Amino acid sequence: MLIAFALVLGAVIGSFLNVVIFRLPKQVSLAFPGSHCPACQSAIRWFDNVPALSFLWLKGRCRTCHAPISWRYPAIEAVTAGLWAFAAWHFGWQPALVWAWLLIALLIVVTAIDLEHQLIPDRITLPGIVLGFVASVAVSRASWLESLVGALVGGGVFFLVIVFSRGGMGGGDMKLGAMIGAFLGWKLTLLTIMLAVISGGLVGVTLLITGLRQRRDPVPFGPFLAASALVSLFWGDHIIRWYWRSFGP
């Protein structure tokens, strides 16, 4: 029942995350006006706003003007629902589940906005640092010192990259690293950064080889950080223990 509850709640939260993803880069209020079609501005009625299902009922088009609805909307709802349900299965009914849900929601928003706009909003990451610190301590996932050091490590690594590369990486990645550190602590944050560098490098090389990107074309790093943070969230402790058993002194 917990997993079913998480699935439904995750889909509802995913619908709200779509609002954040669409409106935040435009600096528009998240509350007003209510849900409406971007093409004809007509209000979306409640029965046309059921997560994922309404997209299927309407065949991916606005009921009023028949303009196409982006696949991003049901995709975000489905991804949020799936990850929240998986977190419920992984953590069970304990306070840490809410901590995990919060981090997942923030990472989904950051990933979607960065992919579309190559921007990581401060309005997500800066409050996220504080939220990560408070939530981690509240559910005993990390001590206040570990969370604080995690934020400093996550932000500090990218600060050094920015300084030595002379702007080769954006400040948004630095703040995202700090947010992840506040949630996960310094050990899992270092693992996250390592996984992000490896996965980002592999994808970058692949894009260059296939000609889909040129050397000067920017590739957003936020999604790699977010995906790696999810890996660390669910399996990071196991990966670290395996590493020390295999390669440690």
Protein backbone atom coordinates (compact mmCIF):
# COMPACT_ATOMS: atom_id res chain seq x y z
CA MET A 1 0.00 0.00 0.00
CA LEU A 2 2.91 2.35 0.66
CA ILE A 3 4.24 1.84 -2.86
CA ALA A 4 0.79 2.40 -4.37
CA PHE A 5 0.39 5.56 -2.29
CA ALA A 6 3.82 6.79 -3.39
CA LEU A 7 2.95 6.09 -7.02
CA VAL A 8 -0.22 8.17 -6.90
CA LEU A 9 1.28 10.95 -4.80
CA GLY A 10 4.35 11.05 -7.02
CA ALA A 11 2.19 11.53 -10.11
CA VAL A 12 0.36 14.43 -8.43
CA ILE A 13 3.64 16.02 -7.33
CA GLY A 14 5.00 15.48 -10.84
CA SER A 15 2.10 17.54 -12.18
CA PHE A 16 3.15 20.40 -9.89
CA LEU A 17 6.79 19.97 -10.89
CA ASN A 18 5.69 20.55 -14.50
CA VAL A 19 4.33 23.92 -13.43
CA VAL A 20 7.64 24.78 -11.75
CA ILE A 21 9.65 23.63 -14.77
CA PHE A 22 7.54 25.69 -17.18
CA ARG A 23 7.09 28.87 -15.12
CA LEU A 24 10.23 29.28 -13.05
CA PRO A 25 12.62 30.10 -15.97
CA LYS A 26 10.03 32.62 -17.19
CA GLN A 27 9.89 34.19 -13.71
CA VAL A 28 6.13 33.77 -13.60
CA SER A 29 4.10 33.12 -10.46
CA LEU A 30 3.71 29.43 -9.65
CA ALA A 31 0.24 29.99 -8.19
CA PHE A 32 -1.46 32.46 -10.54
CA PRO A 33 -2.96 32.10 -13.02
CA GLY A 34 -4.19 28.54 -12.67
CA SER A 35 -3.36 25.76 -15.13
CA HIS A 36 -4.07 26.88 -18.66
CA CYS A 37 -3.19 26.04 -22.26
CA PRO A 38 -0.05 27.96 -23.36
CA ALA A 39 -1.47 28.25 -26.89
CA CYS A 40 -5.04 29.53 -26.36
CA GLN A 41 -4.80 30.51 -22.66
CA SER A 42 -8.03 28.64 -21.85
CA ALA A 43 -8.25 27.29 -18.30
CA ILE A 44 -7.69 23.57 -17.90
CA ARG A 45 -10.59 21.93 -16.09
CA TRP A 46 -9.91 19.51 -13.26
CA PHE A 47 -10.91 16.43 -15.25
CA ASP A 48 -8.41 17.39 -17.94
CA ASN A 49 -5.67 17.76 -15.33
CA VAL A 50 -5.41 14.18 -14.07
CA PRO A 51 -1.70 13.23 -14.14
CA ALA A 52 -0.69 11.15 -17.19
CA LEU A 53 -4.23 9.87 -17.83
CA SER A 54 -5.57 13.19 -19.15
CA PHE A 55 -2.82 13.26 -21.77
CA LEU A 56 -4.03 9.88 -23.04
CA TRP A 57 -7.72 10.87 -22.93
CA LEU A 58 -7.06 14.05 -24.89
CA LYS A 59 -4.71 12.25 -27.29
CA GLY A 60 -1.98 14.76 -26.52
CA ARG A 61 -3.98 17.85 -27.58
CA CYS A 62 -5.74 20.74 -25.89
CA ARG A 63 -9.50 20.16 -25.62
CA THR A 64 -10.27 23.76 -26.69
CA CYS A 65 -7.81 24.66 -29.46
CA HIS A 66 -6.37 21.19 -30.22
CA ALA A 67 -2.81 22.46 -29.95
CA PRO A 68 -0.34 19.64 -29.21
CA ILE A 69 0.64 19.06 -25.57
CA SER A 70 4.31 18.46 -24.94
CA TRP A 71 5.35 14.91 -24.06
CA ARG A 72 7.34 16.45 -21.22
CA TYR A 73 4.22 16.71 -19.06
CA PRO A 74 3.32 13.01 -18.84
CA ALA A 75 7.02 12.09 -18.84
CA ILE A 76 7.75 14.20 -15.74
CA GLU A 77 4.66 12.83 -14.00
CA ALA A 78 5.61 9.24 -14.83
CA VAL A 79 9.27 9.67 -13.82
CA THR A 80 8.33 11.32 -10.52
CA ALA A 81 5.75 8.63 -9.77
CA GLY A 82 8.21 5.85 -10.61
CA LEU A 83 11.09 7.26 -8.58
CA TRP A 84 8.88 8.04 -5.58
CA ALA A 85 7.48 4.50 -5.69
CA PHE A 86 10.98 3.03 -5.96
CA ALA A 87 12.10 5.16 -3.01
CA ALA A 88 9.14 3.84 -1.01
CA TRP A 89 10.19 0.28 -1.81
CA HIS A 90 13.85 1.02 -1.06
CA PHE A 91 13.50 2.93 2.21
CA GLY A 92 10.18 1.66 3.53
CA TRP A 93 7.98 3.67 5.82
CA GLN A 94 10.54 5.71 7.73
CA PRO A 95 11.32 9.43 8.01
CA ALA A 96 14.19 9.09 5.53
CA LEU A 97 11.61 8.40 2.81
CA VAL A 98 10.39 12.01 2.94
CA TRP A 99 14.03 13.16 2.77
CA ALA A 100 14.52 11.05 -0.35
CA TRP A 101 11.30 12.32 -1.93
CA LEU A 102 12.40 15.92 -1.44
CA LEU A 103 15.77 15.32 -3.09
CA ILE A 104 14.21 13.43 -6.01
CA ALA A 105 11.72 16.23 -6.70
CA LEU A 106 14.44 18.90 -6.67
CA LEU A 107 16.69 16.87 -8.97
CA ILE A 108 13.87 16.31 -11.48
CA VAL A 109 13.17 20.05 -11.68
CA VAL A 110 16.86 20.91 -12.06
CA THR A 111 17.37 18.30 -14.77
CA ALA A 112 14.38 19.36 -16.88
CA ILE A 113 15.20 23.08 -16.69
CA ASP A 114 18.90 22.57 -17.39
CA LEU A 115 18.18 20.38 -20.42
CA GLU A 116 15.78 22.93 -21.90
CA HIS A 117 17.36 26.24 -20.88
CA GLN A 118 20.93 25.31 -19.85
CA LEU A 119 20.14 27.01 -16.58
CA ILE A 120 20.08 25.82 -12.96
CA PRO A 121 17.88 28.30 -11.05
CA ASP A 122 19.14 29.71 -7.75
CA ARG A 123 15.50 29.64 -6.58
CA ILE A 124 15.80 25.85 -6.50
CA THR A 125 19.36 25.22 -5.36
CA LEU A 126 19.79 27.89 -2.67
CA PRO A 127 16.65 26.95 -0.71
CA GLY A 128 17.56 23.34 -1.50
CA ILE A 129 20.84 23.69 0.40
CA VAL A 130 18.99 24.81 3.52
CA LEU A 131 16.28 22.19 3.02
CA GLY A 132 18.87 19.45 2.55
CA PHE A 133 20.70 20.45 5.72
CA VAL A 134 17.52 20.57 7.83
CA ALA A 135 16.02 17.39 6.37
CA SER A 136 19.22 15.35 6.70
CA VAL A 137 19.64 16.27 10.34
CA ALA A 138 15.92 15.89 11.12
CA VAL A 139 15.73 12.30 9.83
CA SER A 140 19.22 11.39 11.13
CA ARG A 141 20.63 10.67 7.69
CA ALA A 142 23.67 12.82 8.50
CA SER A 143 24.98 14.88 11.38
CA TRP A 144 24.89 18.64 11.02
CA LEU A 145 28.66 18.63 10.55
CA GLU A 146 28.59 15.96 7.84
CA SER A 147 25.83 17.80 6.00
CA LEU A 148 27.67 21.10 6.29
CA VAL A 149 30.95 19.57 5.09
CA GLY A 150 29.02 17.90 2.26
CA ALA A 151 27.68 21.26 1.08
CA LEU A 152 31.17 22.80 1.29
CA VAL A 153 32.74 19.89 -0.59
CA GLY A 154 30.00 19.76 -3.24
CA GLY A 155 30.20 23.48 -3.89
CA GLY A 156 33.95 23.79 -3.33
CA VAL A 157 34.96 21.22 -5.94
CA PHE A 158 33.06 23.09 -8.64
CA PHE A 159 34.27 26.45 -7.37
CA LEU A 160 37.84 25.28 -7.98
CA VAL A 161 36.86 23.99 -11.43
CA ILE A 162 35.32 27.38 -12.26
CA VAL A 163 38.43 29.24 -11.07
CA PHE A 164 41.02 27.08 -12.81
CA SER A 165 39.01 26.64 -16.02
CA ARG A 166 38.24 30.36 -16.12
CA GLY A 167 34.52 29.92 -16.49
CA GLY A 168 34.51 26.47 -18.07
CA MET A 169 31.65 25.53 -15.76
CA GLY A 170 28.72 27.58 -14.54
CA GLY A 171 27.92 28.73 -11.04
CA GLY A 172 24.67 26.80 -11.19
CA ASP A 173 26.59 23.51 -11.10
CA MET A 174 28.48 24.75 -8.04
CA LYS A 175 25.24 25.50 -6.16
CA LEU A 176 23.72 22.22 -7.29
CA GLY A 177 26.78 20.40 -5.94
CA ALA A 178 26.34 22.20 -2.63
CA MET A 179 22.67 21.22 -2.50
CA ILE A 180 23.47 17.58 -3.18
CA GLY A 181 26.18 17.72 -0.52
CA ALA A 182 23.75 19.09 2.06
CA PHE A 183 21.42 16.16 1.39
CA LEU A 184 23.93 13.32 1.00
CA GLY A 185 26.96 14.30 3.08
CA TRP A 186 30.53 14.57 1.86
CA LYS A 187 31.25 10.88 1.14
CA LEU A 188 28.28 10.32 -1.15
CA THR A 189 28.84 13.75 -2.70
CA LEU A 190 32.37 12.81 -3.76
CA LEU A 191 30.96 9.60 -5.23
CA THR A 192 28.30 11.62 -7.03
CA ILE A 193 30.86 13.95 -8.57
CA MET A 194 33.04 11.04 -9.69
CA LEU A 195 30.08 9.25 -11.31
CA ALA A 196 28.94 12.49 -12.97
CA VAL A 197 32.39 13.17 -14.43
CA ILE A 198 32.64 9.61 -15.79
CA SER A 199 29.13 9.52 -17.27
CA GLY A 200 29.36 13.09 -18.59
CA GLY A 201 32.72 12.37 -20.19
CA LEU A 202 31.46 9.20 -21.87
CA VAL A 203 28.37 10.96 -23.24
CA GLY A 204 30.42 13.96 -24.35
CA VAL A 205 32.91 11.81 -26.25
CA THR A 206 30.05 9.87 -27.84
CA LEU A 207 28.37 13.08 -29.00
CA LEU A 208 31.64 14.31 -30.51
CA ILE A 209 32.33 11.04 -32.30
CA THR A 210 28.81 10.85 -33.73
CA GLY A 211 28.90 14.50 -34.79
CA LEU A 212 25.86 15.42 -32.73
CA ARG A 213 27.92 18.04 -30.90
CA GLN A 214 30.99 20.09 -31.77
CA ARG A 215 33.82 20.84 -29.35
CA ARG A 216 32.49 24.33 -28.58
CA ASP A 217 28.87 23.25 -28.15
CA PRO A 218 27.81 23.38 -24.49
CA VAL A 219 26.59 20.18 -22.85
CA PRO A 220 24.66 20.76 -19.59
CA PHE A 221 26.35 19.01 -16.67
CA GLY A 222 23.42 19.33 -14.24
CA PRO A 223 21.56 16.24 -15.51
CA PHE A 224 24.67 14.09 -15.00
CA LEU A 225 25.03 15.40 -11.46
CA ALA A 226 21.35 14.75 -10.78
CA ALA A 227 21.41 11.21 -12.18
CA SER A 228 24.59 10.41 -10.25
CA ALA A 229 23.04 11.79 -7.07
CA LEU A 230 20.14 9.36 -7.53
CA VAL A 231 22.60 6.48 -7.88
CA SER A 232 24.32 7.62 -4.68
CA LEU A 233 20.97 8.05 -2.93
CA PHE A 234 19.92 4.45 -3.54
CA TRP A 235 23.19 2.53 -3.85
CA GLY A 236 25.98 4.88 -2.75
CA ASP A 237 26.70 3.18 0.58
CA HIS A 238 26.96 -0.21 -1.14
CA ILE A 239 29.27 1.19 -3.82
CA ILE A 240 31.57 2.76 -1.23
CA ARG A 241 31.74 -0.46 0.84
CA TRP A 242 32.45 -2.49 -2.30
CA TYR A 243 35.21 -0.08 -3.30
CA TRP A 244 36.98 -0.28 0.08
CA ARG A 245 36.68 -4.06 0.21
CA SER A 246 38.14 -4.33 -3.27
CA PHE A 247 40.73 -1.57 -3.38
CA GLY A 248 41.13 -0.22 0.14
CA PRO A 249 44.25 -0.71 2.27
